[in-house]
Amino acid sequence: MTTPKKNQPMYIREIELRYKKRRVKSEAPVHEPLTDAKKVYELFSDLQNEAKEKLITISLDTKLKMLCFEVIAVGSVNAIYARPFEALRASIPLNPYGVIMVHNHPSGDPTPSEGDKIFTSNLLLYTIAGGIEFHDHIIIGHEKYFSFAKEGLMDALYRKAYAEHQKALKGN
């Protein structure tokens, strides 16, 4: 650490923390259980207007009502990077029953990429180990969405992740 000389200006780095209110459509089911992908889409459909990919974690209570949501990462026009732990970091102190992941595809096409599938599979390993239900990963495009759960991908990825988890526990 250097000591400033007499009459030399000092600079302090400052971090600005902003609290941003998010406007939600009045008909959106804010206090209703998020039991299906359509309700989640209604809450977060404004993501379709974003120029960059955003990844959001929704924390749920036992009645599947939203405890909170957090923007985990902001990417580029066609990619986003987040580690599974980062996706759960805000949720863990809340001791949630479950989580739902939401992100957008600025291209408008909500079809999951191979990277989306890998991220979902990796996150499943974390939620299985942590005892958190991973209900869905929803990708929002223009006026449409893709739900891993609705399309049966969550079950397939869960079976694969669970088998990997059991194998790791046995040390094989």
N, C-alpha and C. Protein backbone atom coordinates (compact mmCIF):
# COMPACT_ATOMS: atom_id res chain seq x y z
N MET A 1 0.85 -1.17 0.00
CA MET A 1 0.00 0.00 0.00
C MET A 1 0.90 1.23 0.00
N THR A 2 0.59 2.18 -0.86
CA THR A 2 1.39 3.41 -0.91
C THR A 2 0.70 4.50 -0.12
N THR A 3 1.49 5.34 0.47
CA THR A 3 0.96 6.46 1.24
C THR A 3 1.01 7.71 0.37
N PRO A 4 -0.10 8.46 0.30
CA PRO A 4 -0.09 9.67 -0.53
C PRO A 4 0.84 10.73 0.06
N LYS A 5 1.45 11.47 -0.85
CA LYS A 5 2.31 12.57 -0.43
C LYS A 5 1.44 13.75 -0.06
N LYS A 6 2.01 14.66 0.69
CA LYS A 6 1.29 15.85 1.15
C LYS A 6 0.74 16.61 -0.05
N ASN A 7 -0.51 17.04 0.06
CA ASN A 7 -1.23 17.81 -0.97
C ASN A 7 -1.48 17.03 -2.26
N GLN A 8 -1.29 15.74 -2.24
CA GLN A 8 -1.58 14.92 -3.41
C GLN A 8 -3.03 14.43 -3.29
N PRO A 9 -3.82 14.58 -4.35
CA PRO A 9 -5.21 14.13 -4.25
C PRO A 9 -5.29 12.61 -4.07
N MET A 10 -6.27 12.20 -3.29
CA MET A 10 -6.50 10.77 -3.08
C MET A 10 -7.80 10.39 -3.78
N TYR A 11 -7.82 9.21 -4.28
CA TYR A 11 -9.01 8.72 -4.96
C TYR A 11 -9.50 7.47 -4.25
N ILE A 12 -10.78 7.40 -4.09
CA ILE A 12 -11.39 6.24 -3.47
C ILE A 12 -12.30 5.60 -4.51
N ARG A 13 -12.11 4.32 -4.70
CA ARG A 13 -13.00 3.62 -5.61
C ARG A 13 -14.34 3.44 -4.92
N GLU A 14 -15.37 3.68 -5.65
CA GLU A 14 -16.70 3.61 -5.07
C GLU A 14 -17.54 2.65 -5.90
N ILE A 15 -18.25 1.81 -5.22
CA ILE A 15 -19.16 0.89 -5.89
C ILE A 15 -20.57 1.43 -5.71
N GLU A 16 -21.27 1.53 -6.81
CA GLU A 16 -22.64 2.02 -6.73
C GLU A 16 -23.59 0.83 -6.75
N LEU A 17 -24.44 0.78 -5.78
CA LEU A 17 -25.44 -0.26 -5.70
C LEU A 17 -26.78 0.36 -6.03
N ARG A 18 -27.45 -0.21 -7.03
CA ARG A 18 -28.74 0.34 -7.42
C ARG A 18 -29.82 -0.68 -7.16
N TYR A 19 -30.93 -0.18 -6.71
CA TYR A 19 -32.12 -1.01 -6.52
C TYR A 19 -33.06 -0.64 -7.65
N LYS A 20 -33.38 -1.59 -8.48
CA LYS A 20 -34.22 -1.30 -9.62
C LYS A 20 -35.57 -1.98 -9.44
N LYS A 21 -36.60 -1.20 -9.48
CA LYS A 21 -37.94 -1.78 -9.44
C LYS A 21 -38.24 -2.32 -10.82
N ARG A 22 -38.93 -3.43 -10.85
CA ARG A 22 -39.27 -4.04 -12.12
C ARG A 22 -40.78 -4.00 -12.26
N ARG A 23 -41.21 -3.43 -13.33
CA ARG A 23 -42.63 -3.32 -13.59
C ARG A 23 -43.15 -4.65 -14.12
N VAL A 24 -44.26 -5.08 -13.59
CA VAL A 24 -44.85 -6.33 -14.01
C VAL A 24 -46.26 -6.04 -14.51
N LYS A 25 -46.65 -6.76 -15.55
CA LYS A 25 -48.01 -6.58 -16.06
C LYS A 25 -49.02 -6.85 -14.96
N SER A 26 -50.07 -6.07 -14.92
CA SER A 26 -51.05 -6.20 -13.84
C SER A 26 -51.73 -7.57 -13.83
N GLU A 27 -51.83 -8.20 -14.99
CA GLU A 27 -52.48 -9.52 -15.03
C GLU A 27 -51.50 -10.66 -14.75
N ALA A 28 -50.23 -10.33 -14.56
CA ALA A 28 -49.23 -11.36 -14.29
C ALA A 28 -49.45 -11.96 -12.90
N PRO A 29 -49.24 -13.26 -12.78
CA PRO A 29 -49.53 -13.97 -11.53
C PRO A 29 -48.43 -13.85 -10.48
N VAL A 30 -48.18 -12.65 -9.99
CA VAL A 30 -47.07 -12.41 -9.07
C VAL A 30 -47.20 -13.21 -7.78
N HIS A 31 -48.39 -13.31 -7.23
CA HIS A 31 -48.57 -13.99 -5.95
C HIS A 31 -49.21 -15.37 -6.09
N GLU A 32 -49.32 -15.84 -7.31
CA GLU A 32 -49.88 -17.17 -7.53
C GLU A 32 -48.76 -18.20 -7.59
N PRO A 33 -49.07 -19.45 -7.27
CA PRO A 33 -48.06 -20.49 -7.43
C PRO A 33 -47.63 -20.60 -8.89
N LEU A 34 -46.34 -20.75 -9.10
CA LEU A 34 -45.80 -20.86 -10.47
C LEU A 34 -45.79 -22.33 -10.87
N THR A 35 -46.98 -22.84 -11.13
CA THR A 35 -47.16 -24.26 -11.39
C THR A 35 -46.94 -24.65 -12.84
N ASP A 36 -46.88 -23.69 -13.74
CA ASP A 36 -46.61 -24.04 -15.13
C ASP A 36 -45.80 -22.94 -15.82
N ALA A 37 -45.22 -23.31 -16.94
CA ALA A 37 -44.31 -22.41 -17.67
C ALA A 37 -45.01 -21.16 -18.18
N LYS A 38 -46.29 -21.28 -18.50
CA LYS A 38 -47.01 -20.12 -19.03
C LYS A 38 -47.06 -18.99 -18.00
N LYS A 39 -47.26 -19.32 -16.73
CA LYS A 39 -47.30 -18.29 -15.68
C LYS A 39 -45.95 -17.60 -15.55
N VAL A 40 -44.88 -18.38 -15.65
CA VAL A 40 -43.53 -17.81 -15.58
C VAL A 40 -43.30 -16.91 -16.79
N TYR A 41 -43.71 -17.38 -17.95
CA TYR A 41 -43.57 -16.58 -19.17
C TYR A 41 -44.31 -15.24 -19.03
N GLU A 42 -45.52 -15.28 -18.47
CA GLU A 42 -46.29 -14.05 -18.29
C GLU A 42 -45.56 -13.06 -17.39
N LEU A 43 -44.89 -13.57 -16.37
CA LEU A 43 -44.15 -12.70 -15.46
C LEU A 43 -42.90 -12.10 -16.10
N PHE A 44 -42.23 -12.86 -16.94
CA PHE A 44 -40.94 -12.45 -17.46
C PHE A 44 -40.92 -12.25 -18.98
N SER A 45 -42.09 -12.08 -19.58
CA SER A 45 -42.16 -11.94 -21.04
C SER A 45 -41.43 -10.70 -21.55
N ASP A 46 -41.22 -9.70 -20.68
CA ASP A 46 -40.50 -8.51 -21.13
C ASP A 46 -39.04 -8.81 -21.47
N LEU A 47 -38.54 -9.97 -21.09
CA LEU A 47 -37.18 -10.37 -21.48
C LEU A 47 -37.04 -10.50 -22.99
N GLN A 48 -38.16 -10.71 -23.68
CA GLN A 48 -38.09 -10.85 -25.13
C GLN A 48 -37.60 -9.57 -25.81
N ASN A 49 -37.65 -8.45 -25.11
CA ASN A 49 -37.22 -7.17 -25.67
C ASN A 49 -35.77 -6.83 -25.35
N GLU A 50 -35.10 -7.69 -24.59
CA GLU A 50 -33.72 -7.43 -24.20
C GLU A 50 -32.77 -7.71 -25.37
N ALA A 51 -31.75 -6.88 -25.51
CA ALA A 51 -30.77 -7.04 -26.59
C ALA A 51 -29.69 -8.07 -26.24
N LYS A 52 -29.55 -8.38 -24.96
CA LYS A 52 -28.55 -9.36 -24.51
C LYS A 52 -29.25 -10.44 -23.70
N GLU A 53 -28.63 -11.62 -23.67
CA GLU A 53 -29.19 -12.70 -22.87
C GLU A 53 -29.07 -12.36 -21.38
N LYS A 54 -30.13 -12.65 -20.64
CA LYS A 54 -30.14 -12.48 -19.19
C LYS A 54 -30.58 -13.80 -18.58
N LEU A 55 -29.91 -14.19 -17.51
CA LEU A 55 -30.24 -15.41 -16.79
C LEU A 55 -30.79 -15.04 -15.42
N ILE A 56 -31.96 -15.58 -15.10
CA ILE A 56 -32.66 -15.25 -13.86
C ILE A 56 -32.95 -16.53 -13.08
N THR A 57 -32.73 -16.48 -11.77
CA THR A 57 -33.13 -17.57 -10.88
C THR A 57 -34.35 -17.12 -10.09
N ILE A 58 -35.38 -17.94 -10.09
CA ILE A 58 -36.58 -17.70 -9.28
C ILE A 58 -36.55 -18.70 -8.13
N SER A 59 -36.59 -18.21 -6.90
CA SER A 59 -36.64 -19.07 -5.72
C SER A 59 -38.09 -19.28 -5.32
N LEU A 60 -38.43 -20.52 -4.98
CA LEU A 60 -39.82 -20.89 -4.68
C LEU A 60 -39.97 -21.44 -3.27
N ASP A 61 -41.15 -21.18 -2.68
CA ASP A 61 -41.47 -21.81 -1.40
C ASP A 61 -42.16 -23.15 -1.67
N THR A 62 -42.63 -23.81 -0.63
CA THR A 62 -43.23 -25.14 -0.79
C THR A 62 -44.55 -25.13 -1.55
N LYS A 63 -45.18 -23.96 -1.63
CA LYS A 63 -46.42 -23.84 -2.39
C LYS A 63 -46.15 -23.34 -3.81
N LEU A 64 -44.86 -23.31 -4.19
CA LEU A 64 -44.38 -22.86 -5.50
C LEU A 64 -44.64 -21.38 -5.76
N LYS A 65 -44.76 -20.62 -4.67
CA LYS A 65 -44.88 -19.16 -4.80
C LYS A 65 -43.47 -18.57 -4.80
N MET A 66 -43.31 -17.50 -5.55
CA MET A 66 -42.01 -16.87 -5.68
C MET A 66 -41.59 -16.20 -4.38
N LEU A 67 -40.43 -16.59 -3.87
CA LEU A 67 -39.83 -15.91 -2.73
C LEU A 67 -39.09 -14.67 -3.22
N CYS A 68 -38.35 -14.84 -4.31
CA CYS A 68 -37.63 -13.73 -4.93
C CYS A 68 -37.11 -14.20 -6.28
N PHE A 69 -36.59 -13.26 -7.04
CA PHE A 69 -35.86 -13.62 -8.25
C PHE A 69 -34.63 -12.74 -8.32
N GLU A 70 -33.62 -13.23 -9.01
CA GLU A 70 -32.39 -12.45 -9.16
C GLU A 70 -31.82 -12.65 -10.56
N VAL A 71 -31.38 -11.54 -11.17
CA VAL A 71 -30.65 -11.63 -12.43
C VAL A 71 -29.25 -12.12 -12.07
N ILE A 72 -28.90 -13.28 -12.56
CA ILE A 72 -27.63 -13.92 -12.23
C ILE A 72 -26.51 -13.46 -13.14
N ALA A 73 -26.83 -13.32 -14.43
CA ALA A 73 -25.79 -12.96 -15.39
C ALA A 73 -26.42 -12.28 -16.59
N VAL A 74 -25.63 -11.42 -17.22
CA VAL A 74 -26.01 -10.78 -18.48
C VAL A 74 -24.92 -11.15 -19.47
N GLY A 75 -25.31 -11.65 -20.62
CA GLY A 75 -24.33 -12.11 -21.60
C GLY A 75 -24.27 -11.22 -22.82
N SER A 76 -24.13 -11.86 -23.97
CA SER A 76 -24.06 -11.15 -25.24
C SER A 76 -25.35 -11.41 -26.01
N VAL A 77 -25.34 -11.12 -27.29
CA VAL A 77 -26.56 -11.32 -28.09
C VAL A 77 -26.88 -12.79 -28.32
N ASN A 78 -25.87 -13.66 -28.16
CA ASN A 78 -26.15 -15.08 -28.43
C ASN A 78 -25.53 -16.04 -27.41
N ALA A 79 -25.07 -15.53 -26.29
CA ALA A 79 -24.48 -16.42 -25.29
C ALA A 79 -24.51 -15.78 -23.91
N ILE A 80 -24.45 -16.64 -22.93
CA ILE A 80 -24.37 -16.18 -21.54
C ILE A 80 -23.55 -17.21 -20.78
N TYR A 81 -22.82 -16.76 -19.80
CA TYR A 81 -22.02 -17.69 -19.01
C TYR A 81 -22.33 -17.48 -17.53
N ALA A 82 -22.61 -18.58 -16.88
CA ALA A 82 -22.79 -18.57 -15.42
C ALA A 82 -22.48 -19.97 -14.92
N ARG A 83 -21.82 -20.04 -13.79
CA ARG A 83 -21.57 -21.34 -13.17
C ARG A 83 -22.81 -21.74 -12.38
N PRO A 84 -23.06 -23.03 -12.25
CA PRO A 84 -24.25 -23.47 -11.50
C PRO A 84 -24.33 -22.88 -10.09
N PHE A 85 -23.20 -22.80 -9.40
CA PHE A 85 -23.24 -22.25 -8.04
C PHE A 85 -23.73 -20.81 -8.05
N GLU A 86 -23.29 -20.02 -9.05
CA GLU A 86 -23.73 -18.63 -9.14
C GLU A 86 -25.24 -18.54 -9.30
N ALA A 87 -25.80 -19.49 -10.02
CA ALA A 87 -27.24 -19.50 -10.26
C ALA A 87 -28.02 -19.75 -8.97
N LEU A 88 -27.40 -20.41 -8.01
CA LEU A 88 -28.08 -20.74 -6.76
C LEU A 88 -27.68 -19.85 -5.59
N ARG A 89 -26.66 -19.04 -5.76
CA ARG A 89 -26.10 -18.26 -4.65
C ARG A 89 -27.15 -17.42 -3.91
N ALA A 90 -28.01 -16.72 -4.64
CA ALA A 90 -29.02 -15.87 -3.99
C ALA A 90 -30.11 -16.70 -3.33
N SER A 91 -30.35 -17.89 -3.86
CA SER A 91 -31.41 -18.74 -3.33
C SER A 91 -31.05 -19.42 -2.02
N ILE A 92 -29.83 -19.85 -1.89
CA ILE A 92 -29.43 -20.67 -0.75
C ILE A 92 -29.76 -20.05 0.61
N PRO A 93 -29.49 -18.76 0.85
CA PRO A 93 -29.84 -18.19 2.16
C PRO A 93 -31.34 -18.20 2.45
N LEU A 94 -32.16 -18.28 1.41
CA LEU A 94 -33.61 -18.29 1.60
C LEU A 94 -34.14 -19.68 1.94
N ASN A 95 -33.27 -20.69 1.84
CA ASN A 95 -33.67 -22.07 2.06
C ASN A 95 -34.90 -22.41 1.22
N PRO A 96 -34.80 -22.26 -0.11
CA PRO A 96 -35.97 -22.47 -0.95
C PRO A 96 -36.31 -23.95 -1.09
N TYR A 97 -37.56 -24.19 -1.37
CA TYR A 97 -37.99 -25.55 -1.71
C TYR A 97 -37.52 -25.88 -3.12
N GLY A 98 -37.62 -24.88 -4.01
CA GLY A 98 -37.26 -25.12 -5.40
C GLY A 98 -36.83 -23.87 -6.13
N VAL A 99 -36.37 -24.08 -7.36
CA VAL A 99 -35.96 -22.98 -8.22
C VAL A 99 -36.47 -23.21 -9.64
N ILE A 100 -36.60 -22.10 -10.35
CA ILE A 100 -36.88 -22.11 -11.78
C ILE A 100 -35.86 -21.18 -12.41
N MET A 101 -35.26 -21.61 -13.49
CA MET A 101 -34.33 -20.76 -14.23
C MET A 101 -35.07 -20.19 -15.44
N VAL A 102 -34.77 -18.93 -15.74
CA VAL A 102 -35.37 -18.27 -16.91
C VAL A 102 -34.26 -17.51 -17.61
N HIS A 103 -34.21 -17.63 -18.93
CA HIS A 103 -33.34 -16.74 -19.68
C HIS A 103 -33.95 -16.50 -21.05
N ASN A 104 -33.42 -15.50 -21.73
CA ASN A 104 -33.98 -15.12 -23.02
C ASN A 104 -33.00 -15.41 -24.15
N HIS A 105 -33.55 -15.52 -25.35
CA HIS A 105 -32.76 -15.60 -26.57
C HIS A 105 -33.13 -14.37 -27.41
N PRO A 106 -32.25 -13.37 -27.48
CA PRO A 106 -32.55 -12.16 -28.25
C PRO A 106 -32.86 -12.42 -29.72
N SER A 107 -32.42 -13.56 -30.25
CA SER A 107 -32.72 -13.90 -31.64
C SER A 107 -34.21 -14.10 -31.85
N GLY A 108 -34.93 -14.37 -30.76
CA GLY A 108 -36.37 -14.61 -30.85
C GLY A 108 -36.72 -16.08 -30.86
N ASP A 109 -35.76 -16.95 -31.15
CA ASP A 109 -35.99 -18.39 -31.21
C ASP A 109 -35.66 -19.00 -29.85
N PRO A 110 -36.66 -19.51 -29.13
CA PRO A 110 -36.40 -20.04 -27.79
C PRO A 110 -35.85 -21.47 -27.75
N THR A 111 -35.54 -22.05 -28.90
CA THR A 111 -35.01 -23.41 -28.91
C THR A 111 -33.71 -23.47 -28.11
N PRO A 112 -33.60 -24.43 -27.18
CA PRO A 112 -32.39 -24.49 -26.36
C PRO A 112 -31.16 -24.90 -27.17
N SER A 113 -30.05 -24.25 -26.87
CA SER A 113 -28.77 -24.61 -27.49
C SER A 113 -28.19 -25.79 -26.72
N GLU A 114 -27.13 -26.37 -27.26
CA GLU A 114 -26.45 -27.44 -26.55
C GLU A 114 -25.91 -26.92 -25.22
N GLY A 115 -25.43 -25.67 -25.22
CA GLY A 115 -24.94 -25.05 -23.98
C GLY A 115 -26.04 -24.91 -22.94
N ASP A 116 -27.26 -24.59 -23.38
CA ASP A 116 -28.40 -24.49 -22.46
C ASP A 116 -28.68 -25.84 -21.81
N LYS A 117 -28.59 -26.90 -22.60
CA LYS A 117 -28.84 -28.25 -22.07
C LYS A 117 -27.75 -28.66 -21.08
N ILE A 118 -26.50 -28.34 -21.41
CA ILE A 118 -25.39 -28.69 -20.52
C ILE A 118 -25.51 -27.92 -19.21
N PHE A 119 -25.81 -26.62 -19.30
CA PHE A 119 -25.97 -25.82 -18.08
C PHE A 119 -27.08 -26.39 -17.20
N THR A 120 -28.21 -26.74 -17.82
CA THR A 120 -29.34 -27.28 -17.08
C THR A 120 -28.96 -28.60 -16.40
N SER A 121 -28.26 -29.44 -17.13
CA SER A 121 -27.81 -30.72 -16.57
C SER A 121 -26.85 -30.51 -15.40
N ASN A 122 -25.91 -29.60 -15.56
CA ASN A 122 -24.96 -29.30 -14.47
C ASN A 122 -25.67 -28.72 -13.25
N LEU A 123 -26.63 -27.83 -13.49
CA LEU A 123 -27.37 -27.24 -12.38
C LEU A 123 -28.20 -28.30 -11.65
N LEU A 124 -28.71 -29.26 -12.40
CA LEU A 124 -29.45 -30.36 -11.77
C LEU A 124 -28.58 -31.11 -10.76
N LEU A 125 -27.31 -31.31 -11.09
CA LEU A 125 -26.40 -31.98 -10.15
C LEU A 125 -26.29 -31.20 -8.85
N TYR A 126 -26.19 -29.88 -8.95
CA TYR A 126 -26.10 -29.03 -7.76
C TYR A 126 -27.39 -29.09 -6.94
N THR A 127 -28.52 -29.03 -7.62
CA THR A 127 -29.78 -29.03 -6.88
C THR A 127 -30.07 -30.39 -6.24
N ILE A 128 -29.68 -31.45 -6.92
CA ILE A 128 -29.85 -32.79 -6.34
C ILE A 128 -29.01 -32.90 -5.07
N ALA A 129 -27.75 -32.50 -5.16
CA ALA A 129 -26.85 -32.57 -4.01
C ALA A 129 -27.32 -31.66 -2.88
N GLY A 130 -27.93 -30.52 -3.22
CA GLY A 130 -28.36 -29.56 -2.21
C GLY A 130 -29.78 -29.75 -1.72
N GLY A 131 -30.49 -30.73 -2.27
CA GLY A 131 -31.86 -30.98 -1.83
C GLY A 131 -32.85 -29.90 -2.25
N ILE A 132 -32.58 -29.26 -3.38
CA ILE A 132 -33.47 -28.22 -3.92
C ILE A 132 -34.13 -28.76 -5.18
N GLU A 133 -35.43 -28.61 -5.28
CA GLU A 133 -36.15 -29.04 -6.47
C GLU A 133 -35.90 -28.06 -7.62
N PHE A 134 -35.43 -28.55 -8.74
CA PHE A 134 -35.22 -27.73 -9.93
C PHE A 134 -36.41 -28.00 -10.84
N HIS A 135 -37.38 -27.09 -10.83
CA HIS A 135 -38.66 -27.33 -11.50
C HIS A 135 -38.64 -27.15 -13.00
N ASP A 136 -37.92 -26.14 -13.48
CA ASP A 136 -37.97 -25.88 -14.92
C ASP A 136 -36.86 -24.91 -15.31
N HIS A 137 -36.53 -24.93 -16.57
CA HIS A 137 -35.66 -23.94 -17.19
C HIS A 137 -36.45 -23.45 -18.40
N ILE A 138 -36.80 -22.18 -18.39
CA ILE A 138 -37.65 -21.61 -19.43
C ILE A 138 -36.85 -20.61 -20.24
N ILE A 139 -36.92 -20.76 -21.55
CA ILE A 139 -36.22 -19.85 -22.46
C ILE A 139 -37.27 -19.01 -23.16
N ILE A 140 -37.10 -17.70 -23.09
CA ILE A 140 -38.08 -16.78 -23.67
C ILE A 140 -37.56 -16.24 -24.99
N GLY A 141 -38.39 -16.37 -26.03
CA GLY A 141 -38.11 -15.79 -27.35
C GLY A 141 -39.16 -14.73 -27.63
N HIS A 142 -39.31 -14.37 -28.90
CA HIS A 142 -40.31 -13.37 -29.26
C HIS A 142 -41.70 -14.00 -29.32
N GLU A 143 -42.55 -13.58 -28.38
CA GLU A 143 -43.95 -14.03 -28.29
C GLU A 143 -44.09 -15.55 -28.10
N LYS A 144 -43.01 -16.21 -27.67
CA LYS A 144 -43.09 -17.65 -27.41
C LYS A 144 -42.01 -18.04 -26.41
N TYR A 145 -42.12 -19.24 -25.90
CA TYR A 145 -41.15 -19.71 -24.91
C TYR A 145 -40.94 -21.21 -25.07
N PHE A 146 -39.87 -21.69 -24.49
CA PHE A 146 -39.56 -23.11 -24.45
C PHE A 146 -39.42 -23.51 -22.99
N SER A 147 -40.09 -24.57 -22.60
CA SER A 147 -40.03 -25.08 -21.23
C SER A 147 -39.39 -26.47 -21.25
N PHE A 148 -38.25 -26.60 -20.56
CA PHE A 148 -37.60 -27.91 -20.46
C PHE A 148 -38.56 -28.93 -19.83
N ALA A 149 -39.32 -28.51 -18.82
CA ALA A 149 -40.25 -29.43 -18.14
C ALA A 149 -41.39 -29.85 -19.06
N LYS A 150 -42.00 -28.87 -19.72
CA LYS A 150 -43.14 -29.15 -20.59
C LYS A 150 -42.75 -30.07 -21.75
N GLU A 151 -41.52 -29.92 -22.23
CA GLU A 151 -41.06 -30.73 -23.36
C GLU A 151 -40.43 -32.06 -22.93
N GLY A 152 -40.44 -32.34 -21.62
CA GLY A 152 -39.93 -33.61 -21.12
C GLY A 152 -38.42 -33.67 -20.94
N LEU A 153 -37.72 -32.58 -21.20
CA LEU A 153 -36.26 -32.58 -21.06
C LEU A 153 -35.81 -32.58 -19.61
N MET A 154 -36.57 -31.96 -18.71
CA MET A 154 -36.18 -31.94 -17.30
C MET A 154 -36.11 -33.36 -16.75
N ASP A 155 -37.11 -34.18 -17.08
CA ASP A 155 -37.11 -35.56 -16.58
C ASP A 155 -35.92 -36.34 -17.12
N ALA A 156 -35.66 -36.20 -18.42
CA ALA A 156 -34.54 -36.92 -19.03
C ALA A 156 -33.21 -36.46 -18.44
N LEU A 157 -33.03 -35.15 -18.31
CA LEU A 157 -31.79 -34.62 -17.74
C LEU A 157 -31.67 -34.98 -16.26
N TYR A 158 -32.80 -35.00 -15.54
CA TYR A 158 -32.79 -35.36 -14.12
C TYR A 158 -32.31 -36.80 -13.94
N ARG A 159 -32.86 -37.71 -14.74
CA ARG A 159 -32.46 -39.12 -14.63
C ARG A 159 -30.95 -39.27 -14.86
N LYS A 160 -30.45 -38.57 -15.87
CA LYS A 160 -29.02 -38.63 -16.19
C LYS A 160 -28.19 -38.03 -15.05
N ALA A 161 -28.59 -36.86 -14.56
CA ALA A 161 -27.86 -36.18 -13.49
C ALA A 161 -27.91 -37.00 -12.20
N TYR A 162 -29.06 -37.59 -11.91
CA TYR A 162 -29.20 -38.39 -10.69
C TYR A 162 -28.30 -39.62 -10.75
N ALA A 163 -28.24 -40.26 -11.92
CA ALA A 163 -27.37 -41.42 -12.08
C ALA A 163 -25.90 -41.01 -11.89
N GLU A 164 -25.51 -39.86 -12.42
CA GLU A 164 -24.14 -39.36 -12.25
C GLU A 164 -23.86 -39.07 -10.77
N HIS A 165 -24.84 -38.49 -10.09
CA HIS A 165 -24.69 -38.17 -8.67
C HIS A 165 -24.51 -39.46 -7.85
N GLN A 166 -25.33 -40.47 -8.13
CA GLN A 166 -25.23 -41.74 -7.41
C GLN A 166 -23.88 -42.41 -7.67
N LYS A 167 -23.43 -42.33 -8.92
CA LYS A 167 -22.14 -42.91 -9.29
C LYS A 167 -21.01 -42.21 -8.52
N ALA A 168 -21.09 -40.89 -8.42
CA ALA A 168 -20.07 -40.12 -7.70
C ALA A 168 -20.07 -40.47 -6.21
N LEU A 169 -21.26 -40.69 -5.65
CA LEU A 169 -21.35 -41.05 -4.23
C LEU A 169 -20.71 -42.41 -3.95
N LYS A 170 -20.83 -43.31 -4.92
CA LYS A 170 -20.26 -44.65 -4.75
C LYS A 170 -18.76 -44.67 -5.04
N GLY A 171 -18.27 -43.58 -5.65
CA GLY A 171 -16.84 -43.50 -5.95
C GLY A 171 -16.42 -44.26 -7.19
N ASN A 172 -17.36 -44.55 -8.07
CA ASN A 172 -17.04 -45.28 -9.31
C ASN A 172 -16.80 -44.34 -10.45
